[in-house]
Amino acid sequence: MHEGTRVLDREDDDPDEAVIVWRPEDRTIADWEYEADGEAYTTAESNPDYPDDEQLVLISFLDQLEAAWPDWEESPPAELLDGARERDVPCYGFPEGRLVEAEDDAGEADAVEIPDEFEVIQERLEENGFEVTLDADTAELHVEKYGTEYVVSADGTVEGESGLRNRVVSIVSRYL
């Protein structure tokens, strides 16, 4: 990721598109402070699930950026932070790992669709004592039991070591 990249907050169920205005190589989320309600906080304090040494990224929300600076895309990426500040566009510190690149129209066409059957497969696996999480970005189910992980792809392929792999394959093949 770099300045000018359009991104989304992967932890937001309905994220607003944003633009990276600064990605300082020498700054972490523990280094960036902001003020809220008269108190100073670091981005690390606001994001306890991320390590303090996670790369800091400053973003501005696209709608605010375009409202204050309609031709921002014509500026060199290195000038985005100064341009946003000159126009009083708010900038927010995020851990880089919390952001995902926004897909353009071409990227959406290439996206892998999540099979409808994943819902019932997830239910059946959980009934059998497996912990199951859906990775919507890759359209995969991550299945774990007794410290062994299996990955179920959208096409029904099951990856993982032996053990309970046959049980996972059995459940998946019943519905896909």
C-alpha atoms as a PDB file:
ATOM      1  CA  MET A   1       0.000   0.000   0.000  1.00  0.00           C
ATOM      2  CA  HIS A   2       1.153   3.512  -0.697  1.00  0.00           C
ATOM      3  CA  GLU A   3      -0.088   7.101  -0.788  1.00  0.00           C
ATOM      4  CA  GLY A   4      -3.044   7.407  -3.159  1.00  0.00           C
ATOM      5  CA  THR A   5      -4.252   3.814  -2.689  1.00  0.00           C
ATOM      6  CA  ARG A   6      -8.001   3.550  -2.117  1.00  0.00           C
ATOM      7  CA  VAL A   7      -8.763   1.363   0.895  1.00  0.00           C
ATOM      8  CA  LEU A   8     -11.532  -0.019   3.093  1.00  0.00           C
ATOM      9  CA  ASP A   9     -11.573  -0.833   6.809  1.00  0.00           C
ATOM     10  CA  ARG A  10     -11.774  -4.634   6.929  1.00  0.00           C
ATOM     11  CA  GLU A  11     -13.299  -4.503  10.431  1.00  0.00           C
ATOM     12  CA  ASP A  12     -16.260  -2.340   9.367  1.00  0.00           C
ATOM     13  CA  ASP A  13     -19.359  -4.169   8.087  1.00  0.00           C
ATOM     14  CA  ASP A  14     -20.235  -1.228   5.823  1.00  0.00           C
ATOM     15  CA  PRO A  15     -16.957   0.654   5.294  1.00  0.00           C
ATOM     16  CA  ASP A  16     -16.618   4.015   3.587  1.00  0.00           C
ATOM     17  CA  GLU A  17     -13.937   4.188   0.928  1.00  0.00           C
ATOM     18  CA  ALA A  18     -10.817   6.052   2.019  1.00  0.00           C
ATOM     19  CA  VAL A  19      -7.500   7.122   0.516  1.00  0.00           C
ATOM     20  CA  ILE A  20      -4.048   6.657   2.024  1.00  0.00           C
ATOM     21  CA  VAL A  21      -2.607  10.159   2.367  1.00  0.00           C
ATOM     22  CA  TRP A  22       0.571   9.173   4.228  1.00  0.00           C
ATOM     23  CA  ARG A  23       2.465   5.955   4.949  1.00  0.00           C
ATOM     24  CA  PRO A  24       5.595   6.883   6.892  1.00  0.00           C
ATOM     25  CA  GLU A  25       8.119   4.038   6.755  1.00  0.00           C
ATOM     26  CA  ASP A  26       9.529   5.002  10.163  1.00  0.00           C
ATOM     27  CA  ARG A  27       6.277   5.301  12.141  1.00  0.00           C
ATOM     28  CA  THR A  28       4.188   2.701  13.932  1.00  0.00           C
ATOM     29  CA  ILE A  29       0.705   2.868  15.399  1.00  0.00           C
ATOM     30  CA  ALA A  30       2.301   3.452  18.817  1.00  0.00           C
ATOM     31  CA  ASP A  31       3.909   6.649  17.448  1.00  0.00           C
ATOM     32  CA  TRP A  32       0.734   8.342  16.209  1.00  0.00           C
ATOM     33  CA  GLU A  33      -1.266  10.365  18.739  1.00  0.00           C
ATOM     34  CA  TYR A  34      -4.618  12.041  18.272  1.00  0.00           C
ATOM     35  CA  GLU A  35      -7.002  13.875  20.561  1.00  0.00           C
ATOM     36  CA  ALA A  36     -10.575  12.858  21.392  1.00  0.00           C
ATOM     37  CA  ASP A  37     -12.730  14.482  24.060  1.00  0.00           C
ATOM     38  CA  GLY A  38      -9.730  16.396  25.384  1.00  0.00           C
ATOM     39  CA  GLU A  39      -7.683  13.215  25.921  1.00  0.00           C
ATOM     40  CA  ALA A  40      -4.618  12.080  23.951  1.00  0.00           C
ATOM     41  CA  TYR A  41      -4.600   8.539  22.563  1.00  0.00           C
ATOM     42  CA  THR A  42      -2.343   6.553  20.277  1.00  0.00           C
ATOM     43  CA  THR A  43      -3.580   4.543  17.340  1.00  0.00           C
ATOM     44  CA  ALA A  44      -2.152   1.498  19.158  1.00  0.00           C
ATOM     45  CA  GLU A  45      -4.433   2.161  22.145  1.00  0.00           C
ATOM     46  CA  SER A  46      -7.422   2.348  19.802  1.00  0.00           C
ATOM     47  CA  ASN A  47      -6.430  -0.882  18.063  1.00  0.00           C
ATOM     48  CA  PRO A  48      -5.432  -3.324  20.837  1.00  0.00           C
ATOM     49  CA  ASP A  49      -5.692  -6.340  18.499  1.00  0.00           C
ATOM     50  CA  TYR A  50      -2.672  -5.100  16.535  1.00  0.00           C
ATOM     51  CA  PRO A  51       0.955  -5.092  17.704  1.00  0.00           C
ATOM     52  CA  ASP A  52       2.360  -1.706  18.736  1.00  0.00           C
ATOM     53  CA  ASP A  53       4.970  -1.924  15.981  1.00  0.00           C
ATOM     54  CA  GLU A  54       2.355  -2.293  13.200  1.00  0.00           C
ATOM     55  CA  GLN A  55       2.929   0.067  10.257  1.00  0.00           C
ATOM     56  CA  LEU A  56       1.040   3.359  10.611  1.00  0.00           C
ATOM     57  CA  VAL A  57      -1.111   4.517   7.717  1.00  0.00           C
ATOM     58  CA  LEU A  58      -3.007   7.823   7.626  1.00  0.00           C
ATOM     59  CA  ILE A  59      -6.216   7.883   5.639  1.00  0.00           C
ATOM     60  CA  SER A  60      -8.825  10.441   4.660  1.00  0.00           C
ATOM     61  CA  PHE A  61     -12.315   9.369   3.727  1.00  0.00           C
ATOM     62  CA  LEU A  62     -12.919   9.704   0.000  1.00  0.00           C
ATOM     63  CA  ASP A  63     -16.162  11.691   0.251  1.00  0.00           C
ATOM     64  CA  GLN A  64     -14.544  14.306   2.534  1.00  0.00           C
ATOM     65  CA  LEU A  65     -11.404  14.442   0.396  1.00  0.00           C
ATOM     66  CA  GLU A  66     -13.346  14.915  -2.854  1.00  0.00           C
ATOM     67  CA  ALA A  67     -15.677  17.521  -1.307  1.00  0.00           C
ATOM     68  CA  ALA A  68     -12.759  19.698  -0.165  1.00  0.00           C
ATOM     69  CA  TRP A  69     -10.333  18.855  -2.983  1.00  0.00           C
ATOM     70  CA  PRO A  70     -12.088  17.615  -6.146  1.00  0.00           C
ATOM     71  CA  ASP A  71      -8.861  17.269  -8.164  1.00  0.00           C
ATOM     72  CA  TRP A  72      -6.807  15.489  -5.476  1.00  0.00           C
ATOM     73  CA  GLU A  73      -5.965  12.667  -7.894  1.00  0.00           C
ATOM     74  CA  GLU A  74      -4.001  15.080 -10.077  1.00  0.00           C
ATOM     75  CA  SER A  75      -1.523  15.733  -7.265  1.00  0.00           C
ATOM     76  CA  PRO A  76       1.594  13.618  -6.716  1.00  0.00           C
ATOM     77  CA  PRO A  77       1.008  10.989  -4.007  1.00  0.00           C
ATOM     78  CA  ALA A  78       3.749  12.511  -1.829  1.00  0.00           C
ATOM     79  CA  GLU A  79       1.698  15.735  -1.603  1.00  0.00           C
ATOM     80  CA  LEU A  80      -1.569  14.173  -0.418  1.00  0.00           C
ATOM     81  CA  LEU A  81      -0.985  14.701   3.304  1.00  0.00           C
ATOM     82  CA  ASP A  82      -0.088  18.377   2.926  1.00  0.00           C
ATOM     83  CA  GLY A  83      -2.969  18.926   0.515  1.00  0.00           C
ATOM     84  CA  ALA A  84      -5.472  17.289   2.857  1.00  0.00           C
ATOM     85  CA  ARG A  85      -4.208  19.328   5.811  1.00  0.00           C
ATOM     86  CA  GLU A  86      -4.307  22.605   3.814  1.00  0.00           C
ATOM     87  CA  ARG A  87      -7.971  21.909   3.066  1.00  0.00           C
ATOM     88  CA  ASP A  88      -8.817  20.782   6.635  1.00  0.00           C
ATOM     89  CA  VAL A  89      -9.674  17.247   5.519  1.00  0.00           C
ATOM     90  CA  PRO A  90      -9.559  15.000   8.604  1.00  0.00           C
ATOM     91  CA  CYS A  91      -6.833  12.331   8.644  1.00  0.00           C
ATOM     92  CA  TYR A  92      -7.086   9.164  10.708  1.00  0.00           C
ATOM     93  CA  GLY A  93      -4.338   6.782  11.813  1.00  0.00           C
ATOM     94  CA  PHE A  94      -4.879   3.078  11.110  1.00  0.00           C
ATOM     95  CA  PRO A  95      -2.811  -0.074  11.410  1.00  0.00           C
ATOM     96  CA  GLU A  96      -1.931  -1.080   7.850  1.00  0.00           C
ATOM     97  CA  GLY A  97      -3.160  -4.635   8.488  1.00  0.00           C
ATOM     98  CA  ARG A  98      -6.645  -3.323   9.245  1.00  0.00           C
ATOM     99  CA  LEU A  99      -6.986  -1.924   5.726  1.00  0.00           C
ATOM    100  CA  VAL A 100      -7.703  -3.723   2.484  1.00  0.00           C
ATOM    101  CA  GLU A 101      -7.414  -2.233  -0.980  1.00  0.00           C
ATOM    102  CA  ALA A 102     -10.753  -1.166  -2.414  1.00  0.00           C
ATOM    103  CA  GLU A 103     -11.597  -3.117  -5.527  1.00  0.00           C
ATOM    104  CA  ASP A 104     -12.285  -1.292  -8.738  1.00  0.00           C
ATOM    105  CA  ASP A 105     -14.983  -2.503 -11.140  1.00  0.00           C
ATOM    106  CA  ALA A 106     -12.552  -4.855 -12.891  1.00  0.00           C
ATOM    107  CA  GLY A 107     -11.415  -6.359  -9.600  1.00  0.00           C
ATOM    108  CA  GLU A 108     -14.982  -7.051  -8.530  1.00  0.00           C
ATOM    109  CA  ALA A 109     -15.564  -9.090 -11.676  1.00  0.00           C
ATOM    110  CA  ASP A 110     -12.614 -11.310 -10.716  1.00  0.00           C
ATOM    111  CA  ALA A 111     -13.757 -11.769  -7.121  1.00  0.00           C
ATOM    112  CA  VAL A 112     -14.463 -15.294  -5.935  1.00  0.00           C
ATOM    113  CA  GLU A 113     -18.085 -15.797  -4.940  1.00  0.00           C
ATOM    114  CA  ILE A 114     -18.936 -17.463  -1.658  1.00  0.00           C
ATOM    115  CA  PRO A 115     -21.043 -20.566  -2.313  1.00  0.00           C
ATOM    116  CA  ASP A 116     -24.500 -20.508  -0.731  1.00  0.00           C
ATOM    117  CA  GLU A 117     -23.777 -24.018   0.549  1.00  0.00           C
ATOM    118  CA  PHE A 118     -21.033 -22.663   2.847  1.00  0.00           C
ATOM    119  CA  GLU A 119     -23.690 -21.678   5.387  1.00  0.00           C
ATOM    120  CA  VAL A 120     -25.006 -25.228   5.835  1.00  0.00           C
ATOM    121  CA  ILE A 121     -21.467 -26.684   5.649  1.00  0.00           C
ATOM    122  CA  GLN A 122     -20.382 -24.324   8.424  1.00  0.00           C
ATOM    123  CA  GLU A 123     -23.385 -25.359  10.541  1.00  0.00           C
ATOM    124  CA  ARG A 124     -22.668 -29.085  10.064  1.00  0.00           C
ATOM    125  CA  LEU A 125     -18.972 -28.690  10.855  1.00  0.00           C
ATOM    126  CA  GLU A 126     -19.774 -26.715  14.019  1.00  0.00           C
ATOM    127  CA  GLU A 127     -22.272 -29.428  15.041  1.00  0.00           C
ATOM    128  CA  ASN A 128     -19.311 -31.838  14.780  1.00  0.00           C
ATOM    129  CA  GLY A 129     -17.202 -29.730  17.151  1.00  0.00           C
ATOM    130  CA  PHE A 130     -15.112 -27.827  14.601  1.00  0.00           C
ATOM    131  CA  GLU A 131     -14.376 -24.114  14.930  1.00  0.00           C
ATOM    132  CA  VAL A 132     -15.214 -22.500  11.586  1.00  0.00           C
ATOM    133  CA  THR A 133     -14.551 -19.002  10.253  1.00  0.00           C
ATOM    134  CA  LEU A 134     -15.369 -17.642   6.822  1.00  0.00           C
ATOM    135  CA  ASP A 135     -12.717 -15.627   4.995  1.00  0.00           C
ATOM    136  CA  ALA A 136     -14.873 -13.540   2.648  1.00  0.00           C
ATOM    137  CA  ASP A 137     -11.839 -12.109   0.830  1.00  0.00           C
ATOM    138  CA  THR A 138     -10.744 -15.530  -0.402  1.00  0.00           C
ATOM    139  CA  ALA A 139     -14.134 -17.319  -0.207  1.00  0.00           C
ATOM    140  CA  GLU A 140     -12.684 -19.989   2.077  1.00  0.00           C
ATOM    141  CA  LEU A 141     -13.817 -21.677   5.251  1.00  0.00           C
ATOM    142  CA  HIS A 142     -11.071 -22.073   7.846  1.00  0.00           C
ATOM    143  CA  VAL A 143     -11.862 -25.122   9.946  1.00  0.00           C
ATOM    144  CA  GLU A 144      -9.984 -26.116  13.110  1.00  0.00           C
ATOM    145  CA  LYS A 145     -10.232 -28.897  15.643  1.00  0.00           C
ATOM    146  CA  TYR A 146      -7.646 -30.289  18.055  1.00  0.00           C
ATOM    147  CA  GLY A 147      -5.067 -27.781  16.823  1.00  0.00           C
ATOM    148  CA  THR A 148      -5.247 -28.882  13.188  1.00  0.00           C
ATOM    149  CA  GLU A 149      -6.517 -26.478  10.544  1.00  0.00           C
ATOM    150  CA  TYR A 150      -8.256 -27.298   7.278  1.00  0.00           C
ATOM    151  CA  VAL A 151      -9.126 -24.877   4.489  1.00  0.00           C
ATOM    152  CA  VAL A 152     -12.253 -25.406   2.379  1.00  0.00           C
ATOM    153  CA  SER A 153     -12.161 -23.590  -0.978  1.00  0.00           C
ATOM    154  CA  ALA A 154     -15.213 -22.412  -2.926  1.00  0.00           C
ATOM    155  CA  ASP A 155     -14.806 -25.344  -5.327  1.00  0.00           C
ATOM    156  CA  GLY A 156     -15.008 -27.842  -2.450  1.00  0.00           C
ATOM    157  CA  THR A 157     -11.297 -28.603  -2.212  1.00  0.00           C
ATOM    158  CA  VAL A 158     -10.180 -29.387   1.342  1.00  0.00           C
ATOM    159  CA  GLU A 159      -6.559 -28.731   2.288  1.00  0.00           C
ATOM    160  CA  GLY A 160      -4.926 -29.834   5.499  1.00  0.00           C
ATOM    161  CA  GLU A 161      -3.157 -32.691   7.202  1.00  0.00           C
ATOM    162  CA  SER A 162      -4.740 -36.062   7.803  1.00  0.00           C
ATOM    163  CA  GLY A 163      -6.492 -36.674  11.064  1.00  0.00           C
ATOM    164  CA  LEU A 164     -10.017 -35.336  10.768  1.00  0.00           C
ATOM    165  CA  ARG A 165      -9.581 -34.288   7.134  1.00  0.00           C
ATOM    166  CA  ASN A 166     -11.772 -37.166   5.932  1.00  0.00           C
ATOM    167  CA  ARG A 167     -14.615 -35.980   8.189  1.00  0.00           C
ATOM    168  CA  VAL A 168     -14.356 -32.446   6.758  1.00  0.00           C
ATOM    169  CA  VAL A 169     -14.240 -33.832   3.188  1.00  0.00           C
ATOM    170  CA  SER A 170     -17.301 -35.972   3.909  1.00  0.00           C
ATOM    171  CA  ILE A 171     -19.361 -33.018   5.133  1.00  0.00           C
ATOM    172  CA  VAL A 172     -18.203 -30.720   2.320  1.00  0.00           C
ATOM    173  CA  SER A 173     -18.850 -33.286  -0.429  1.00  0.00           C
ATOM    174  CA  ARG A 174     -22.369 -33.850   0.883  1.00  0.00           C
ATOM    175  CA  TYR A 175     -23.342 -30.221   0.161  1.00  0.00           C
ATOM    176  CA  LEU A 176     -21.001 -29.046  -2.644  1.00  0.00           C
END
